[in-house]
C-alpha atoms as a PDB file:
ATOM      1  CA  MET A   1      26.125  16.595  -5.866  1.00  0.00           C
ATOM      2  CA  SER A   2      22.396  17.244  -5.387  1.00  0.00           C
ATOM      3  CA  PRO A   3      20.958  17.091  -1.835  1.00  0.00           C
ATOM      4  CA  SER A   4      18.819  14.091  -2.785  1.00  0.00           C
ATOM      5  CA  ALA A   5      21.933  12.177  -3.870  1.00  0.00           C
ATOM      6  CA  THR A   6      23.380  12.401  -0.348  1.00  0.00           C
ATOM      7  CA  ALA A   7      20.113  11.881   1.572  1.00  0.00           C
ATOM      8  CA  PRO A   8      19.585   8.566   3.408  1.00  0.00           C
ATOM      9  CA  PHE A   9      17.673   5.928   1.459  1.00  0.00           C
ATOM     10  CA  GLY A  10      13.949   6.659   1.398  1.00  0.00           C
ATOM     11  CA  ILE A  11      14.288  10.187   2.819  1.00  0.00           C
ATOM     12  CA  ARG A  12      13.461  13.200   0.689  1.00  0.00           C
ATOM     13  CA  ASP A  13      12.782  16.745   1.870  1.00  0.00           C
ATOM     14  CA  GLY A  14      13.371  15.718   5.482  1.00  0.00           C
ATOM     15  CA  ARG A  15      10.538  13.181   5.717  1.00  0.00           C
ATOM     16  CA  PRO A  16      10.805   9.466   4.969  1.00  0.00           C
ATOM     17  CA  ILE A  17       8.891   8.230   1.939  1.00  0.00           C
ATOM     18  CA  LEU A  18       6.042   5.907   2.867  1.00  0.00           C
ATOM     19  CA  CYS A  19       4.892   4.096  -0.251  1.00  0.00           C
ATOM     20  CA  LEU A  20       1.234   3.048  -0.226  1.00  0.00           C
ATOM     21  CA  ASP A  21      -0.415   0.581  -2.544  1.00  0.00           C
ATOM     22  CA  PHE A  22      -3.870   1.696  -3.643  1.00  0.00           C
ATOM     23  CA  ASP A  23      -6.060  -1.383  -4.124  1.00  0.00           C
ATOM     24  CA  GLY A  24      -6.462  -3.326  -0.893  1.00  0.00           C
ATOM     25  CA  VAL A  25      -4.699  -0.628   1.161  1.00  0.00           C
ATOM     26  CA  ILE A  26      -6.481   2.661   0.431  1.00  0.00           C
ATOM     27  CA  HIS A  27      -9.391   1.362  -1.700  1.00  0.00           C
ATOM     28  CA  ARG A  28     -11.050  -1.631  -0.028  1.00  0.00           C
ATOM     29  CA  TYR A  29     -10.894  -3.733  -3.249  1.00  0.00           C
ATOM     30  CA  SER A  30     -13.255  -6.460  -2.001  1.00  0.00           C
ATOM     31  CA  ARG A  31     -13.910  -7.974  -5.443  1.00  0.00           C
ATOM     32  CA  GLY A  32     -10.415  -7.779  -6.941  1.00  0.00           C
ATOM     33  CA  TRP A  33      -9.709  -6.246 -10.343  1.00  0.00           C
ATOM     34  CA  GLN A  34     -12.937  -5.316 -12.119  1.00  0.00           C
ATOM     35  CA  ASP A  35     -11.731  -3.968 -15.484  1.00  0.00           C
ATOM     36  CA  GLY A  36     -10.198  -0.917 -13.804  1.00  0.00           C
ATOM     37  CA  GLU A  37     -13.326   0.149 -11.897  1.00  0.00           C
ATOM     38  CA  ILE A  38     -12.685   1.605  -8.422  1.00  0.00           C
ATOM     39  CA  TYR A  39     -15.888   0.399  -6.803  1.00  0.00           C
ATOM     40  CA  ASP A  40     -15.431   0.216  -3.025  1.00  0.00           C
ATOM     41  CA  PRO A  41     -15.130   2.900  -0.331  1.00  0.00           C
ATOM     42  CA  PRO A  42     -11.828   3.525   1.469  1.00  0.00           C
ATOM     43  CA  VAL A  43     -10.525   0.970   3.943  1.00  0.00           C
ATOM     44  CA  ASP A  44     -11.954   1.797   7.370  1.00  0.00           C
ATOM     45  CA  GLY A  45      -9.782   4.274   9.245  1.00  0.00           C
ATOM     46  CA  PHE A  46      -7.668   5.291   6.256  1.00  0.00           C
ATOM     47  CA  LYS A  47      -8.741   8.953   6.115  1.00  0.00           C
ATOM     48  CA  GLU A  48      -7.908   9.585   9.764  1.00  0.00           C
ATOM     49  CA  TRP A  49      -4.662   7.634   9.541  1.00  0.00           C
ATOM     50  CA  ALA A  50      -3.509   9.570   6.441  1.00  0.00           C
ATOM     51  CA  LYS A  51      -4.151  12.929   8.140  1.00  0.00           C
ATOM     52  CA  GLN A  52      -1.735  11.866  10.898  1.00  0.00           C
ATOM     53  CA  ALA A  53       0.789  10.103   8.663  1.00  0.00           C
ATOM     54  CA  VAL A  54       1.365  13.130   6.414  1.00  0.00           C
ATOM     55  CA  ASP A  55       2.956  14.926   9.381  1.00  0.00           C
ATOM     56  CA  HIS A  56       5.592  12.190   9.598  1.00  0.00           C
ATOM     57  CA  PHE A  57       5.998  10.875   6.043  1.00  0.00           C
ATOM     58  CA  ARG A  58       5.834  11.822   2.398  1.00  0.00           C
ATOM     59  CA  LEU A  59       2.888   9.682   1.290  1.00  0.00           C
ATOM     60  CA  VAL A  60       3.525   8.240  -2.159  1.00  0.00           C
ATOM     61  CA  VAL A  61       0.864   6.139  -3.868  1.00  0.00           C
ATOM     62  CA  TYR A  62       2.281   3.525  -6.211  1.00  0.00           C
ATOM     63  CA  SER A  63      -0.170   1.077  -7.716  1.00  0.00           C
ATOM     64  CA  SER A  64      -0.573  -1.285 -10.626  1.00  0.00           C
ATOM     65  CA  ARG A  65      -3.014   1.396 -11.781  1.00  0.00           C
ATOM     66  CA  SER A  66      -0.166   3.917 -11.964  1.00  0.00           C
ATOM     67  CA  LYS A  67       0.971   2.601 -15.350  1.00  0.00           C
ATOM     68  CA  GLU A  68      -2.548   2.386 -16.823  1.00  0.00           C
ATOM     69  CA  PRO A  69      -3.728   5.274 -19.022  1.00  0.00           C
ATOM     70  CA  GLY A  70      -5.817   7.478 -16.750  1.00  0.00           C
ATOM     71  CA  GLY A  71      -4.936   5.388 -13.690  1.00  0.00           C
ATOM     72  CA  THR A  72      -3.640   8.249 -11.571  1.00  0.00           C
ATOM     73  CA  LYS A  73      -6.515  10.517 -12.601  1.00  0.00           C
ATOM     74  CA  ALA A  74      -8.989   7.793 -11.605  1.00  0.00           C
ATOM     75  CA  MET A  75      -7.363   7.387  -8.167  1.00  0.00           C
ATOM     76  CA  VAL A  76      -7.422  11.173  -7.608  1.00  0.00           C
ATOM     77  CA  ALA A  77     -11.087  11.408  -8.684  1.00  0.00           C
ATOM     78  CA  TRP A  78     -12.003   8.499  -6.382  1.00  0.00           C
ATOM     79  CA  MET A  79     -10.240  10.212  -3.457  1.00  0.00           C
ATOM     80  CA  ARG A  80     -12.169  13.410  -4.082  1.00  0.00           C
ATOM     81  CA  ARG A  81     -15.477  11.486  -4.179  1.00  0.00           C
ATOM     82  CA  HIS A  82     -14.617  10.047  -0.766  1.00  0.00           C
ATOM     83  CA  ASP A  83     -13.507  13.346   0.820  1.00  0.00           C
ATOM     84  CA  ILE A  84      -9.831  12.405   0.848  1.00  0.00           C
ATOM     85  CA  ASP A  85      -7.540  15.286  -0.059  1.00  0.00           C
ATOM     86  CA  PRO A  86      -5.349  14.016  -2.930  1.00  0.00           C
ATOM     87  CA  ALA A  87      -2.986  16.971  -2.395  1.00  0.00           C
ATOM     88  CA  ILE A  88      -1.414  15.241   0.622  1.00  0.00           C
ATOM     89  CA  PHE A  89      -0.234  12.406  -1.649  1.00  0.00           C
ATOM     90  CA  GLU A  90       2.268  12.066  -4.432  1.00  0.00           C
ATOM     91  CA  PHE A  91       1.482   9.619  -7.216  1.00  0.00           C
ATOM     92  CA  ALA A  92       4.431   7.674  -8.626  1.00  0.00           C
ATOM     93  CA  HIS A  93       4.586   6.021 -12.032  1.00  0.00           C
ATOM     94  CA  GLN A  94       7.464   3.837 -10.920  1.00  0.00           C
ATOM     95  CA  LYS A  95       8.336   2.285  -7.572  1.00  0.00           C
ATOM     96  CA  PRO A  96       9.878   4.982  -5.351  1.00  0.00           C
ATOM     97  CA  ALA A  97      12.964   4.531  -3.198  1.00  0.00           C
ATOM     98  CA  ALA A  98      10.792   4.289  -0.099  1.00  0.00           C
ATOM     99  CA  PHE A  99      11.737   4.082   3.559  1.00  0.00           C
ATOM    100  CA  LEU A 100       8.800   1.707   4.011  1.00  0.00           C
ATOM    101  CA  THR A 101       5.970   0.268   1.904  1.00  0.00           C
ATOM    102  CA  ILE A 102       2.447  -0.730   2.939  1.00  0.00           C
ATOM    103  CA  ASP A 103       0.976  -3.279   0.547  1.00  0.00           C
ATOM    104  CA  ASP A 104      -1.677  -5.950   0.974  1.00  0.00           C
ATOM    105  CA  ARG A 105       0.221  -8.385  -1.241  1.00  0.00           C
ATOM    106  CA  ALA A 106       3.730  -8.420   0.177  1.00  0.00           C
ATOM    107  CA  VAL A 107       5.811 -10.210   2.759  1.00  0.00           C
ATOM    108  CA  THR A 108       8.851  -8.894   4.599  1.00  0.00           C
ATOM    109  CA  PHE A 109      12.094 -10.439   3.408  1.00  0.00           C
ATOM    110  CA  THR A 110      14.036 -11.991   6.291  1.00  0.00           C
ATOM    111  CA  GLY A 111      17.327 -12.462   4.448  1.00  0.00           C
ATOM    112  CA  ASP A 112      16.818 -16.224   4.247  1.00  0.00           C
ATOM    113  CA  TRP A 113      15.144 -17.694   1.147  1.00  0.00           C
ATOM    114  CA  GLY A 114      14.481 -20.846   3.161  1.00  0.00           C
ATOM    115  CA  ASP A 115      11.804 -18.870   5.023  1.00  0.00           C
ATOM    116  CA  TYR A 116       9.637 -18.858   1.868  1.00  0.00           C
ATOM    117  CA  PRO A 117       8.619 -22.399   0.921  1.00  0.00           C
ATOM    118  CA  MET A 118       6.416 -22.663  -2.160  1.00  0.00           C
ATOM    119  CA  ARG A 119       3.550 -24.255  -0.210  1.00  0.00           C
ATOM    120  CA  TRP A 120       3.538 -21.218   2.077  1.00  0.00           C
ATOM    121  CA  LEU A 121       3.733 -18.655  -0.744  1.00  0.00           C
ATOM    122  CA  THR A 122       1.056 -20.344  -2.861  1.00  0.00           C
ATOM    123  CA  ALA A 123      -1.326 -20.291   0.147  1.00  0.00           C
ATOM    124  CA  PHE A 124      -1.062 -16.484   0.522  1.00  0.00           C
ATOM    125  CA  LYS A 125      -4.316 -14.522   0.719  1.00  0.00           C
ATOM    126  CA  PRO A 126      -4.629 -10.751   1.061  1.00  0.00           C
ATOM    127  CA  TRP A 127      -6.724  -9.543   3.987  1.00  0.00           C
ATOM    128  CA  THR A 128      -9.688  -8.800   1.686  1.00  0.00           C
ATOM    129  CA  MET A 129      -9.990 -12.517   0.846  1.00  0.00           C
ATOM    130  CA  LYS A 130      -9.828 -13.782   4.419  1.00  0.00           C
ATOM    131  CA  SER A 131     -12.806 -14.666   6.554  1.00  0.00           C
ATOM    132  CA  ARG A 132     -11.079 -13.813   9.847  1.00  0.00           C
ATOM    133  CA  PRO A 133      -9.349 -10.645  11.074  1.00  0.00           C
ATOM    134  CA  VAL A 134      -5.628 -10.298  10.401  1.00  0.00           C
ATOM    135  CA  ALA A 135      -4.603 -10.173  14.073  1.00  0.00           C
ATOM    136  CA  ALA A 136      -5.595  -8.607  17.358  1.00  0.00           C
ATOM    137  CA  GLY A 137      -4.807  -4.911  17.244  1.00  0.00           C
ATOM    138  CA  GLY A 138      -4.718  -4.968  13.436  1.00  0.00           C
ATOM    139  CA  ILE A 139      -1.049  -5.907  13.220  1.00  0.00           C
ATOM    140  CA  ALA A 140      -0.295  -8.782  10.880  1.00  0.00           C
ATOM    141  CA  THR A 141       1.651 -11.700  12.243  1.00  0.00           C
ATOM    142  CA  SER A 142       4.136 -13.587  10.079  1.00  0.00           C
ATOM    143  CA  ASP A 143       1.643 -16.313   9.163  1.00  0.00           C
ATOM    144  CA  SER A 144      -1.591 -14.302   9.268  1.00  0.00           C
ATOM    145  CA  ASN A 145      -1.980 -14.139   5.486  1.00  0.00           C
ATOM    146  CA  PHE A 146      -1.358 -17.806   4.857  1.00  0.00           C
ATOM    147  CA  ASP A 147      -3.805 -20.654   5.101  1.00  0.00           C
ATOM    148  CA  ALA A 148      -2.856 -23.464   7.453  1.00  0.00           C
ATOM    149  CA  ASP A 149      -2.229 -26.879   5.895  1.00  0.00           C
END
């Protein structure tokens, strides 16, 4: 059996895999999809955070762009233009078996489908479409991405 077959889920080469979405997580993405253009600078604080995170995690970028022709090359070129070293990242073409994922368009599953009423899900807004900060300290609360009734 290969070592990766016996490794704990989301752990490869001794470090847990941290899967990062690109648009809205690394790239600010303030105007949404614009025919594939990567138009914004990085999200504030990302460069510094990534330099620390790489010591603890294997950073794997997985994006909707990953399946587009030239998508990975465009993300790498954008990183270079913004003085982000693309060599500290891996770029996946399919969703990796990650220890954890950071994505601007996801919710944590609680194990109870009753926690996800349609009115709540249809009111979801990523942080880039909100007029107020996510939460004090930058940590999202369970309802921070949903509009109140």
